[in-house]
All heavy atoms as atom14 arrays in JSON, in Angstrom:
{
  "sequence": "QTYIWLDNLLYLEELAKRGQSGYTALYYDSLADKAGGLLKERLVEA",
  "atom14_mask": [
    [1, 1, 1, 1, 1, 1, 1, 1, 1, 0, 0, 0, 0, 0],
    [1, 1, 1, 1, 1, 1, 1, 0, 0, 0, 0, 0, 0, 0],
    [1, 1, 1, 1, 1, 1, 1, 1, 1, 1, 1, 1, 0, 0],
    [1, 1, 1, 1, 1, 1, 1, 1, 0, 0, 0, 0, 0, 0],
    [1, 1, 1, 1, 1, 1, 1, 1, 1, 1, 1, 1, 1, 1],
    [1, 1, 1, 1, 1, 1, 1, 1, 0, 0, 0, 0, 0, 0],
    [1, 1, 1, 1, 1, 1, 1, 1, 0, 0, 0, 0, 0, 0],
    [1, 1, 1, 1, 1, 1, 1, 1, 0, 0, 0, 0, 0, 0],
    [1, 1, 1, 1, 1, 1, 1, 1, 0, 0, 0, 0, 0, 0],
    [1, 1, 1, 1, 1, 1, 1, 1, 0, 0, 0, 0, 0, 0],
    [1, 1, 1, 1, 1, 1, 1, 1, 1, 1, 1, 1, 0, 0],
    [1, 1, 1, 1, 1, 1, 1, 1, 0, 0, 0, 0, 0, 0],
    [1, 1, 1, 1, 1, 1, 1, 1, 1, 0, 0, 0, 0, 0],
    [1, 1, 1, 1, 1, 1, 1, 1, 1, 0, 0, 0, 0, 0],
    [1, 1, 1, 1, 1, 1, 1, 1, 0, 0, 0, 0, 0, 0],
    [1, 1, 1, 1, 1, 0, 0, 0, 0, 0, 0, 0, 0, 0],
    [1, 1, 1, 1, 1, 1, 1, 1, 1, 0, 0, 0, 0, 0],
    [1, 1, 1, 1, 1, 1, 1, 1, 1, 1, 1, 0, 0, 0],
    [1, 1, 1, 1, 0, 0, 0, 0, 0, 0, 0, 0, 0, 0],
    [1, 1, 1, 1, 1, 1, 1, 1, 1, 0, 0, 0, 0, 0],
    [1, 1, 1, 1, 1, 1, 0, 0, 0, 0, 0, 0, 0, 0],
    [1, 1, 1, 1, 0, 0, 0, 0, 0, 0, 0, 0, 0, 0],
    [1, 1, 1, 1, 1, 1, 1, 1, 1, 1, 1, 1, 0, 0],
    [1, 1, 1, 1, 1, 1, 1, 0, 0, 0, 0, 0, 0, 0],
    [1, 1, 1, 1, 1, 0, 0, 0, 0, 0, 0, 0, 0, 0],
    [1, 1, 1, 1, 1, 1, 1, 1, 0, 0, 0, 0, 0, 0],
    [1, 1, 1, 1, 1, 1, 1, 1, 1, 1, 1, 1, 0, 0],
    [1, 1, 1, 1, 1, 1, 1, 1, 1, 1, 1, 1, 0, 0],
    [1, 1, 1, 1, 1, 1, 1, 1, 0, 0, 0, 0, 0, 0],
    [1, 1, 1, 1, 1, 1, 0, 0, 0, 0, 0, 0, 0, 0],
    [1, 1, 1, 1, 1, 1, 1, 1, 0, 0, 0, 0, 0, 0],
    [1, 1, 1, 1, 1, 0, 0, 0, 0, 0, 0, 0, 0, 0],
    [1, 1, 1, 1, 1, 1, 1, 1, 0, 0, 0, 0, 0, 0],
    [1, 1, 1, 1, 1, 1, 1, 1, 1, 0, 0, 0, 0, 0],
    [1, 1, 1, 1, 1, 0, 0, 0, 0, 0, 0, 0, 0, 0],
    [1, 1, 1, 1, 0, 0, 0, 0, 0, 0, 0, 0, 0, 0],
    [1, 1, 1, 1, 0, 0, 0, 0, 0, 0, 0, 0, 0, 0],
    [1, 1, 1, 1, 1, 1, 1, 1, 0, 0, 0, 0, 0, 0],
    [1, 1, 1, 1, 1, 1, 1, 1, 0, 0, 0, 0, 0, 0],
    [1, 1, 1, 1, 1, 1, 1, 1, 1, 0, 0, 0, 0, 0],
    [1, 1, 1, 1, 1, 1, 1, 1, 1, 0, 0, 0, 0, 0],
    [1, 1, 1, 1, 1, 1, 1, 1, 1, 1, 1, 0, 0, 0],
    [1, 1, 1, 1, 1, 1, 1, 1, 0, 0, 0, 0, 0, 0],
    [1, 1, 1, 1, 1, 1, 1, 0, 0, 0, 0, 0, 0, 0],
    [1, 1, 1, 1, 1, 1, 1, 1, 1, 0, 0, 0, 0, 0],
    [1, 1, 1, 1, 1, 0, 0, 0, 0, 0, 0, 0, 0, 0]
  ],
  "atom14_positions": [
    [[8.18, -15.54, -0.49], [6.77, -15.39, -0.7], [6.3, -13.84, -0.57], [5.38, -13.42, -1.19], [5.94, -16.16, 0.37], [6.09, -17.68, 0.08], [5.36, -18.43, 1.27], [4.98, -17.9, 2.34], [5.4, -19.78, 1.12], [0.0, 0.0, 0.0], [0.0, 0.0, 0.0], [0.0, 0.0, 0.0], [0.0, 0.0, 0.0], [0.0, 0.0, 0.0]],
    [[7.08, -13.17, 0.26], [6.73, -11.85, 0.48], [7.3, -10.98, -0.65], [6.74, -10.02, -1.16], [7.29, -11.38, 1.76], [6.76, -12.04, 2.84], [7.11, -9.82, 2.05], [0.0, 0.0, 0.0], [0.0, 0.0, 0.0], [0.0, 0.0, 0.0], [0.0, 0.0, 0.0], [0.0, 0.0, 0.0], [0.0, 0.0, 0.0], [0.0, 0.0, 0.0]],
    [[8.48, -11.31, -1.14], [9.18, -10.59, -2.19], [8.35, -10.42, -3.51], [8.45, -9.48, -4.12], [10.62, -11.09, -2.45], [11.35, -10.34, -3.48], [11.89, -9.09, -3.17], [11.64, -10.82, -4.78], [12.59, -8.35, -4.01], [12.28, -10.05, -5.75], [12.69, -8.87, -5.31], [13.48, -8.17, -6.34], [0.0, 0.0, 0.0], [0.0, 0.0, 0.0]],
    [[7.64, -11.57, -3.73], [6.71, -11.53, -5.06], [5.71, -10.43, -5.02], [5.27, -10.03, -6.08], [6.21, -12.83, -5.37], [5.17, -13.27, -4.26], [7.25, -13.99, -5.48], [4.37, -14.61, -4.62], [0.0, 0.0, 0.0], [0.0, 0.0, 0.0], [0.0, 0.0, 0.0], [0.0, 0.0, 0.0], [0.0, 0.0, 0.0], [0.0, 0.0, 0.0]],
    [[5.33, -9.95, -3.81], [4.27, -8.87, -3.67], [4.98, -7.55, -3.77], [4.24, -6.54, -3.85], [3.55, -9.11, -2.35], [2.69, -10.34, -2.4], [3.03, -11.47, -1.87], [1.54, -10.56, -3.21], [1.92, -12.44, -2.18], [1.1, -11.86, -2.96], [0.81, -9.82, -4.06], [-0.02, -12.39, -3.49], [-0.39, -10.22, -4.58], [-0.77, -11.6, -4.36]],
    [[6.3, -7.31, -3.75], [6.96, -6.09, -3.68], [6.52, -5.12, -4.83], [6.07, -3.97, -4.61], [8.5, -6.24, -3.7], [9.21, -4.91, -3.61], [8.83, -4.14, -2.41], [10.77, -5.21, -3.71], [0.0, 0.0, 0.0], [0.0, 0.0, 0.0], [0.0, 0.0, 0.0], [0.0, 0.0, 0.0], [0.0, 0.0, 0.0], [0.0, 0.0, 0.0]],
    [[6.46, -5.65, -6.08], [6.04, -4.81, -7.27], [4.77, -4.28, -7.07], [4.4, -3.14, -7.36], [6.3, -5.48, -8.55], [7.71, -5.68, -8.94], [8.6, -4.86, -8.49], [7.96, -6.55, -9.77], [0.0, 0.0, 0.0], [0.0, 0.0, 0.0], [0.0, 0.0, 0.0], [0.0, 0.0, 0.0], [0.0, 0.0, 0.0], [0.0, 0.0, 0.0]],
    [[3.82, -5.25, -6.72], [2.34, -4.77, -6.46], [2.25, -3.81, -5.37], [1.45, -2.73, -5.59], [1.53, -5.99, -6.15], [1.44, -6.98, -7.21], [1.68, -6.65, -8.46], [1.02, -8.28, -6.99], [0.0, 0.0, 0.0], [0.0, 0.0, 0.0], [0.0, 0.0, 0.0], [0.0, 0.0, 0.0], [0.0, 0.0, 0.0], [0.0, 0.0, 0.0]],
    [[2.86, -3.84, -4.34], [2.85, -3.06, -3.21], [3.42, -1.65, -3.65], [2.8, -0.53, -3.23], [3.55, -3.56, -2.01], [3.31, -2.71, -0.79], [1.95, -2.51, -0.46], [4.12, -3.35, 0.47], [0.0, 0.0, 0.0], [0.0, 0.0, 0.0], [0.0, 0.0, 0.0], [0.0, 0.0, 0.0], [0.0, 0.0, 0.0], [0.0, 0.0, 0.0]],
    [[4.55, -1.65, -4.32], [5.04, -0.36, -4.8], [4.22, 0.32, -5.75], [4.04, 1.62, -5.67], [6.51, -0.53, -5.36], [7.57, -0.95, -4.43], [8.84, -1.37, -5.12], [7.77, 0.06, -3.29], [0.0, 0.0, 0.0], [0.0, 0.0, 0.0], [0.0, 0.0, 0.0], [0.0, 0.0, 0.0], [0.0, 0.0, 0.0], [0.0, 0.0, 0.0]],
    [[3.55, -0.37, -6.6], [2.66, 0.19, -7.6], [1.44, 0.79, -6.78], [0.98, 1.93, -7.11], [2.02, -0.81, -8.51], [1.01, -0.34, -9.44], [1.38, 0.59, -10.48], [-0.21, -0.84, -9.47], [0.39, 1.1, -11.34], [-1.32, -0.35, -10.31], [-0.89, 0.61, -11.17], [-1.89, 1.14, -12.07], [0.0, 0.0, 0.0], [0.0, 0.0, 0.0]],
    [[0.86, 0.05, -5.77], [-0.28, 0.59, -5.0], [0.18, 1.84, -4.29], [-0.68, 2.84, -4.17], [-0.81, -0.49, -4.11], [-1.42, -1.71, -4.74], [-1.83, -2.72, -3.67], [-2.67, -1.27, -5.55], [0.0, 0.0, 0.0], [0.0, 0.0, 0.0], [0.0, 0.0, 0.0], [0.0, 0.0, 0.0], [0.0, 0.0, 0.0], [0.0, 0.0, 0.0]],
    [[1.39, 1.85, -3.84], [1.84, 2.95, -3.03], [2.05, 4.22, -4.0], [1.62, 5.34, -3.63], [3.21, 2.65, -2.37], [3.71, 3.74, -1.34], [4.57, 4.77, -2.0], [5.07, 4.67, -2.95], [4.61, 5.9, -1.3], [0.0, 0.0, 0.0], [0.0, 0.0, 0.0], [0.0, 0.0, 0.0], [0.0, 0.0, 0.0], [0.0, 0.0, 0.0]],
    [[2.47, 3.94, -5.13], [2.56, 5.05, -6.23], [1.2, 5.6, -6.53], [0.87, 6.77, -6.66], [3.24, 4.53, -7.42], [3.33, 5.59, -8.51], [3.92, 4.94, -9.88], [4.89, 4.05, -9.83], [3.49, 5.39, -10.85], [0.0, 0.0, 0.0], [0.0, 0.0, 0.0], [0.0, 0.0, 0.0], [0.0, 0.0, 0.0], [0.0, 0.0, 0.0]],
    [[0.22, 4.72, -6.65], [-1.21, 5.28, -6.94], [-1.72, 6.04, -5.83], [-2.43, 6.99, -5.95], [-2.22, 4.0, -7.11], [-2.01, 3.2, -8.46], [-2.99, 2.07, -8.44], [-2.2, 4.16, -9.67], [0.0, 0.0, 0.0], [0.0, 0.0, 0.0], [0.0, 0.0, 0.0], [0.0, 0.0, 0.0], [0.0, 0.0, 0.0], [0.0, 0.0, 0.0]],
    [[-1.42, 5.64, -4.57], [-1.88, 6.32, -3.37], [-1.2, 7.71, -3.27], [-1.83, 8.68, -2.87], [-1.65, 5.55, -2.12], [0.0, 0.0, 0.0], [0.0, 0.0, 0.0], [0.0, 0.0, 0.0], [0.0, 0.0, 0.0], [0.0, 0.0, 0.0], [0.0, 0.0, 0.0], [0.0, 0.0, 0.0], [0.0, 0.0, 0.0], [0.0, 0.0, 0.0]],
    [[-0.03, 7.77, -3.79], [0.78, 9.19, -3.71], [0.41, 10.17, -4.84], [0.62, 11.28, -4.7], [2.18, 8.86, -3.73], [3.11, 9.98, -3.29], [4.32, 9.66, -2.75], [5.34, 10.75, -2.66], [5.01, 11.71, -1.77], [0.0, 0.0, 0.0], [0.0, 0.0, 0.0], [0.0, 0.0, 0.0], [0.0, 0.0, 0.0], [0.0, 0.0, 0.0]],
    [[-0.2, 9.6, -5.86], [-0.52, 10.46, -6.94], [-1.37, 11.71, -6.47], [-2.4, 11.46, -5.86], [-1.29, 9.71, -8.12], [-0.24, 8.92, -8.94], [-0.9, 8.27, -10.1], [0.03, 7.43, -10.89], [-0.34, 6.52, -11.69], [-1.55, 6.33, -12.03], [0.62, 5.73, -12.25], [0.0, 0.0, 0.0], [0.0, 0.0, 0.0], [0.0, 0.0, 0.0]],
    [[-1.07, 12.7, -6.83], [-1.87, 14.06, -6.55], [-1.59, 14.46, -5.13], [-2.32, 15.53, -4.75], [0.0, 0.0, 0.0], [0.0, 0.0, 0.0], [0.0, 0.0, 0.0], [0.0, 0.0, 0.0], [0.0, 0.0, 0.0], [0.0, 0.0, 0.0], [0.0, 0.0, 0.0], [0.0, 0.0, 0.0], [0.0, 0.0, 0.0], [0.0, 0.0, 0.0]],
    [[-0.76, 13.85, -4.33], [-0.51, 14.21, -3.03], [0.8, 14.87, -2.9], [1.67, 14.75, -3.6], [-0.43, 13.01, -2.03], [-1.63, 12.17, -2.13], [-2.78, 12.67, -1.49], [-2.71, 13.47, -0.52], [-3.96, 12.47, -2.13], [0.0, 0.0, 0.0], [0.0, 0.0, 0.0], [0.0, 0.0, 0.0], [0.0, 0.0, 0.0], [0.0, 0.0, 0.0]],
    [[0.97, 15.9, -2.02], [2.06, 16.73, -1.97], [3.04, 16.17, -0.96], [4.21, 16.65, -0.86], [1.8, 18.14, -1.6], [1.07, 18.16, -0.27], [0.0, 0.0, 0.0], [0.0, 0.0, 0.0], [0.0, 0.0, 0.0], [0.0, 0.0, 0.0], [0.0, 0.0, 0.0], [0.0, 0.0, 0.0], [0.0, 0.0, 0.0], [0.0, 0.0, 0.0]],
    [[2.63, 15.18, -0.18], [3.44, 14.54, 0.78], [2.79, 13.39, 1.48], [1.68, 12.94, 0.91], [0.0, 0.0, 0.0], [0.0, 0.0, 0.0], [0.0, 0.0, 0.0], [0.0, 0.0, 0.0], [0.0, 0.0, 0.0], [0.0, 0.0, 0.0], [0.0, 0.0, 0.0], [0.0, 0.0, 0.0], [0.0, 0.0, 0.0], [0.0, 0.0, 0.0]],
    [[3.28, 12.95, 2.57], [2.73, 11.8, 3.29], [1.63, 12.31, 4.33], [1.97, 12.5, 5.42], [3.8, 11.08, 3.92], [4.69, 10.37, 2.95], [5.98, 10.83, 2.69], [4.25, 9.23, 2.26], [6.78, 10.25, 1.75], [5.09, 8.7, 1.23], [6.36, 9.14, 1.07], [7.19, 8.59, 0.16], [0.0, 0.0, 0.0], [0.0, 0.0, 0.0]],
    [[0.56, 12.63, 3.82], [-0.52, 13.22, 4.55], [-1.68, 12.1, 4.95], [-1.44, 10.96, 4.58], [-1.43, 14.22, 3.69], [-1.97, 13.61, 2.61], [-0.41, 15.39, 3.18], [0.0, 0.0, 0.0], [0.0, 0.0, 0.0], [0.0, 0.0, 0.0], [0.0, 0.0, 0.0], [0.0, 0.0, 0.0], [0.0, 0.0, 0.0], [0.0, 0.0, 0.0]],
    [[-2.57, 12.56, 5.74], [-3.63, 11.58, 6.21], [-4.41, 11.09, 4.92], [-4.75, 9.86, 4.98], [-4.54, 12.33, 7.06], [0.0, 0.0, 0.0], [0.0, 0.0, 0.0], [0.0, 0.0, 0.0], [0.0, 0.0, 0.0], [0.0, 0.0, 0.0], [0.0, 0.0, 0.0], [0.0, 0.0, 0.0], [0.0, 0.0, 0.0], [0.0, 0.0, 0.0]],
    [[-4.47, 11.83, 3.94], [-5.16, 11.39, 2.68], [-4.42, 10.37, 2.05], [-4.9, 9.32, 1.55], [-5.47, 12.59, 1.74], [-6.55, 13.58, 2.03], [-6.55, 14.7, 1.12], [-7.88, 12.76, 2.06], [0.0, 0.0, 0.0], [0.0, 0.0, 0.0], [0.0, 0.0, 0.0], [0.0, 0.0, 0.0], [0.0, 0.0, 0.0], [0.0, 0.0, 0.0]],
    [[-3.09, 10.52, 2.02], [-2.11, 9.46, 1.34], [-2.4, 8.14, 2.17], [-2.47, 7.19, 1.51], [-0.75, 9.95, 1.46], [0.28, 8.77, 1.31], [0.53, 8.21, 0.07], [0.87, 8.25, 2.42], [1.33, 7.27, -0.06], [1.87, 7.24, 2.33], [2.09, 6.7, 1.08], [2.84, 5.63, 0.89], [0.0, 0.0, 0.0], [0.0, 0.0, 0.0]],
    [[-2.24, 8.26, 3.51], [-2.33, 7.01, 4.24], [-3.69, 6.28, 4.14], [-3.78, 5.08, 4.11], [-2.02, 7.18, 5.61], [-0.57, 7.5, 5.92], [-0.09, 8.72, 6.15], [0.47, 6.44, 5.71], [1.41, 8.99, 6.35], [1.75, 6.75, 5.92], [2.24, 7.97, 6.12], [3.55, 8.27, 6.26], [0.0, 0.0, 0.0], [0.0, 0.0, 0.0]],
    [[-4.75, 7.08, 4.07], [-6.13, 6.52, 3.82], [-6.24, 5.87, 2.59], [-6.81, 4.77, 2.47], [-7.13, 7.66, 3.97], [-7.35, 8.05, 5.36], [-6.89, 7.53, 6.38], [-7.95, 9.23, 5.64], [0.0, 0.0, 0.0], [0.0, 0.0, 0.0], [0.0, 0.0, 0.0], [0.0, 0.0, 0.0], [0.0, 0.0, 0.0], [0.0, 0.0, 0.0]],
    [[-5.68, 6.53, 1.58], [-5.66, 6.04, 0.13], [-4.9, 4.69, 0.16], [-5.28, 3.67, -0.51], [-5.1, 6.93, -0.84], [-5.11, 6.39, -2.05], [0.0, 0.0, 0.0], [0.0, 0.0, 0.0], [0.0, 0.0, 0.0], [0.0, 0.0, 0.0], [0.0, 0.0, 0.0], [0.0, 0.0, 0.0], [0.0, 0.0, 0.0], [0.0, 0.0, 0.0]],
    [[-3.66, 4.71, 0.75], [-2.87, 3.51, 0.8], [-3.63, 2.33, 1.5], [-3.52, 1.27, 1.11], [-1.53, 3.78, 1.4], [-0.52, 2.65, 1.38], [-0.21, 2.16, -0.03], [0.79, 3.01, 2.11], [0.0, 0.0, 0.0], [0.0, 0.0, 0.0], [0.0, 0.0, 0.0], [0.0, 0.0, 0.0], [0.0, 0.0, 0.0], [0.0, 0.0, 0.0]],
    [[-4.15, 2.61, 2.61], [-4.97, 1.61, 3.29], [-6.05, 0.97, 2.48], [-6.25, -0.19, 2.45], [-5.49, 2.14, 4.56], [0.0, 0.0, 0.0], [0.0, 0.0, 0.0], [0.0, 0.0, 0.0], [0.0, 0.0, 0.0], [0.0, 0.0, 0.0], [0.0, 0.0, 0.0], [0.0, 0.0, 0.0], [0.0, 0.0, 0.0], [0.0, 0.0, 0.0]],
    [[-6.76, 1.83, 1.67], [-7.8, 1.34, 0.85], [-7.39, 0.43, -0.3], [-7.84, -0.48, -0.57], [-8.61, 2.59, 0.24], [-9.46, 3.39, 1.2], [-9.6, 2.75, 2.27], [-9.77, 4.51, 0.83], [0.0, 0.0, 0.0], [0.0, 0.0, 0.0], [0.0, 0.0, 0.0], [0.0, 0.0, 0.0], [0.0, 0.0, 0.0], [0.0, 0.0, 0.0]],
    [[-6.03, 0.9, -0.9], [-5.55, 0.11, -1.9], [-4.87, -1.07, -1.59], [-4.89, -2.08, -2.14], [-4.64, 1.08, -2.71], [-5.4, 2.2, -3.51], [-4.52, 3.11, -4.14], [-5.01, 4.32, -4.94], [-6.53, 4.65, -4.8], [0.0, 0.0, 0.0], [0.0, 0.0, 0.0], [0.0, 0.0, 0.0], [0.0, 0.0, 0.0], [0.0, 0.0, 0.0]],
    [[-4.15, -1.01, -0.5], [-3.21, -2.11, -0.11], [-3.54, -2.83, 1.17], [-2.83, -3.84, 1.53], [-1.65, -1.61, 0.01], [0.0, 0.0, 0.0], [0.0, 0.0, 0.0], [0.0, 0.0, 0.0], [0.0, 0.0, 0.0], [0.0, 0.0, 0.0], [0.0, 0.0, 0.0], [0.0, 0.0, 0.0], [0.0, 0.0, 0.0], [0.0, 0.0, 0.0]],
    [[-4.6, -2.42, 1.77], [-4.91, -2.89, 3.15], [-5.17, -4.4, 3.12], [-4.54, -5.02, 4.1], [0.0, 0.0, 0.0], [0.0, 0.0, 0.0], [0.0, 0.0, 0.0], [0.0, 0.0, 0.0], [0.0, 0.0, 0.0], [0.0, 0.0, 0.0], [0.0, 0.0, 0.0], [0.0, 0.0, 0.0], [0.0, 0.0, 0.0], [0.0, 0.0, 0.0]],
    [[-5.88, -4.97, 2.13], [-6.06, -6.37, 2.07], [-4.79, -7.22, 1.98], [-4.54, -8.23, 2.66], [0.0, 0.0, 0.0], [0.0, 0.0, 0.0], [0.0, 0.0, 0.0], [0.0, 0.0, 0.0], [0.0, 0.0, 0.0], [0.0, 0.0, 0.0], [0.0, 0.0, 0.0], [0.0, 0.0, 0.0], [0.0, 0.0, 0.0], [0.0, 0.0, 0.0]],
    [[-3.89, -6.71, 1.1], [-2.65, -7.37, 0.87], [-1.84, -7.31, 2.18], [-1.26, -8.38, 2.58], [-1.83, -6.74, -0.28], [-0.45, -7.21, -0.45], [-0.48, -8.71, -0.84], [0.22, -6.45, -1.58], [0.0, 0.0, 0.0], [0.0, 0.0, 0.0], [0.0, 0.0, 0.0], [0.0, 0.0, 0.0], [0.0, 0.0, 0.0], [0.0, 0.0, 0.0]],
    [[-1.68, -6.17, 2.77], [-0.95, -6.1, 3.99], [-1.46, -6.99, 5.1], [-0.79, -7.52, 5.85], [-0.81, -4.61, 4.36], [-0.08, -3.73, 3.43], [-0.13, -2.34, 3.8], [1.33, -4.13, 3.18], [0.0, 0.0, 0.0], [0.0, 0.0, 0.0], [0.0, 0.0, 0.0], [0.0, 0.0, 0.0], [0.0, 0.0, 0.0], [0.0, 0.0, 0.0]],
    [[-2.82, -6.86, 5.33], [-3.45, -7.73, 6.33], [-3.02, -9.32, 6.13], [-2.82, -9.91, 7.13], [-4.95, -7.46, 6.36], [-5.64, -8.25, 7.44], [-7.14, -7.96, 7.49], [-7.8, -8.76, 8.55], [-9.23, -8.52, 8.49], [0.0, 0.0, 0.0], [0.0, 0.0, 0.0], [0.0, 0.0, 0.0], [0.0, 0.0, 0.0], [0.0, 0.0, 0.0]],
    [[-3.27, -9.64, 4.81], [-2.94, -11.1, 4.58], [-1.49, -11.35, 4.96], [-1.2, -12.47, 5.58], [-3.19, -11.35, 3.12], [-2.89, -12.73, 2.65], [-3.05, -12.91, 1.16], [-3.92, -12.21, 0.57], [-2.23, -13.65, 0.55], [0.0, 0.0, 0.0], [0.0, 0.0, 0.0], [0.0, 0.0, 0.0], [0.0, 0.0, 0.0], [0.0, 0.0, 0.0]],
    [[-0.65, -10.58, 4.52], [0.87, -10.78, 4.89], [1.04, -10.79, 6.45], [1.88, -11.57, 6.91], [1.71, -9.84, 4.07], [1.64, -9.81, 2.77], [1.9, -11.08, 1.96], [3.1, -11.74, 2.52], [3.39, -13.0, 2.54], [2.4, -13.86, 2.09], [4.59, -13.48, 3.0], [0.0, 0.0, 0.0], [0.0, 0.0, 0.0], [0.0, 0.0, 0.0]],
    [[0.43, -9.89, 7.13], [0.63, -9.89, 8.54], [0.08, -11.08, 9.24], [0.63, -11.6, 10.16], [0.04, -8.51, 9.09], [0.8, -7.32, 8.82], [0.08, -6.14, 9.4], [2.21, -7.34, 9.57], [0.0, 0.0, 0.0], [0.0, 0.0, 0.0], [0.0, 0.0, 0.0], [0.0, 0.0, 0.0], [0.0, 0.0, 0.0], [0.0, 0.0, 0.0]],
    [[-1.0, -11.64, 8.77], [-1.67, -12.8, 9.33], [-0.82, -13.95, 9.13], [-0.46, -14.72, 10.02], [-3.17, -13.1, 8.71], [-3.55, -14.5, 9.08], [-3.99, -11.96, 9.22], [0.0, 0.0, 0.0], [0.0, 0.0, 0.0], [0.0, 0.0, 0.0], [0.0, 0.0, 0.0], [0.0, 0.0, 0.0], [0.0, 0.0, 0.0], [0.0, 0.0, 0.0]],
    [[-0.08, -14.08, 8.0], [0.76, -15.11, 7.64], [1.97, -14.95, 8.49], [2.61, -15.99, 8.89], [1.05, -15.17, 6.2], [-0.17, -15.74, 5.31], [0.14, -15.89, 3.85], [1.45, -16.02, 3.51], [-0.72, -15.72, 3.01], [0.0, 0.0, 0.0], [0.0, 0.0, 0.0], [0.0, 0.0, 0.0], [0.0, 0.0, 0.0], [0.0, 0.0, 0.0]],
    [[2.53, -13.72, 8.76], [3.63, -13.55, 9.53], [3.47, -14.04, 10.94], [4.42, -14.6, 11.49], [4.04, -12.05, 9.37], [0.0, 0.0, 0.0], [0.0, 0.0, 0.0], [0.0, 0.0, 0.0], [0.0, 0.0, 0.0], [0.0, 0.0, 0.0], [0.0, 0.0, 0.0], [0.0, 0.0, 0.0], [0.0, 0.0, 0.0], [0.0, 0.0, 0.0]]
  ]
}
């Protein structure tokens, strides 16, 4: 059930990293905005 979300999560991570020079606070904020709902749902189920 988790594996089926891998492609989506990797795509959202790629979107968050675009235009970033590294793993900065802006990257993590962007990733949280893009993938936060999915990650929260998976953690609740976990």
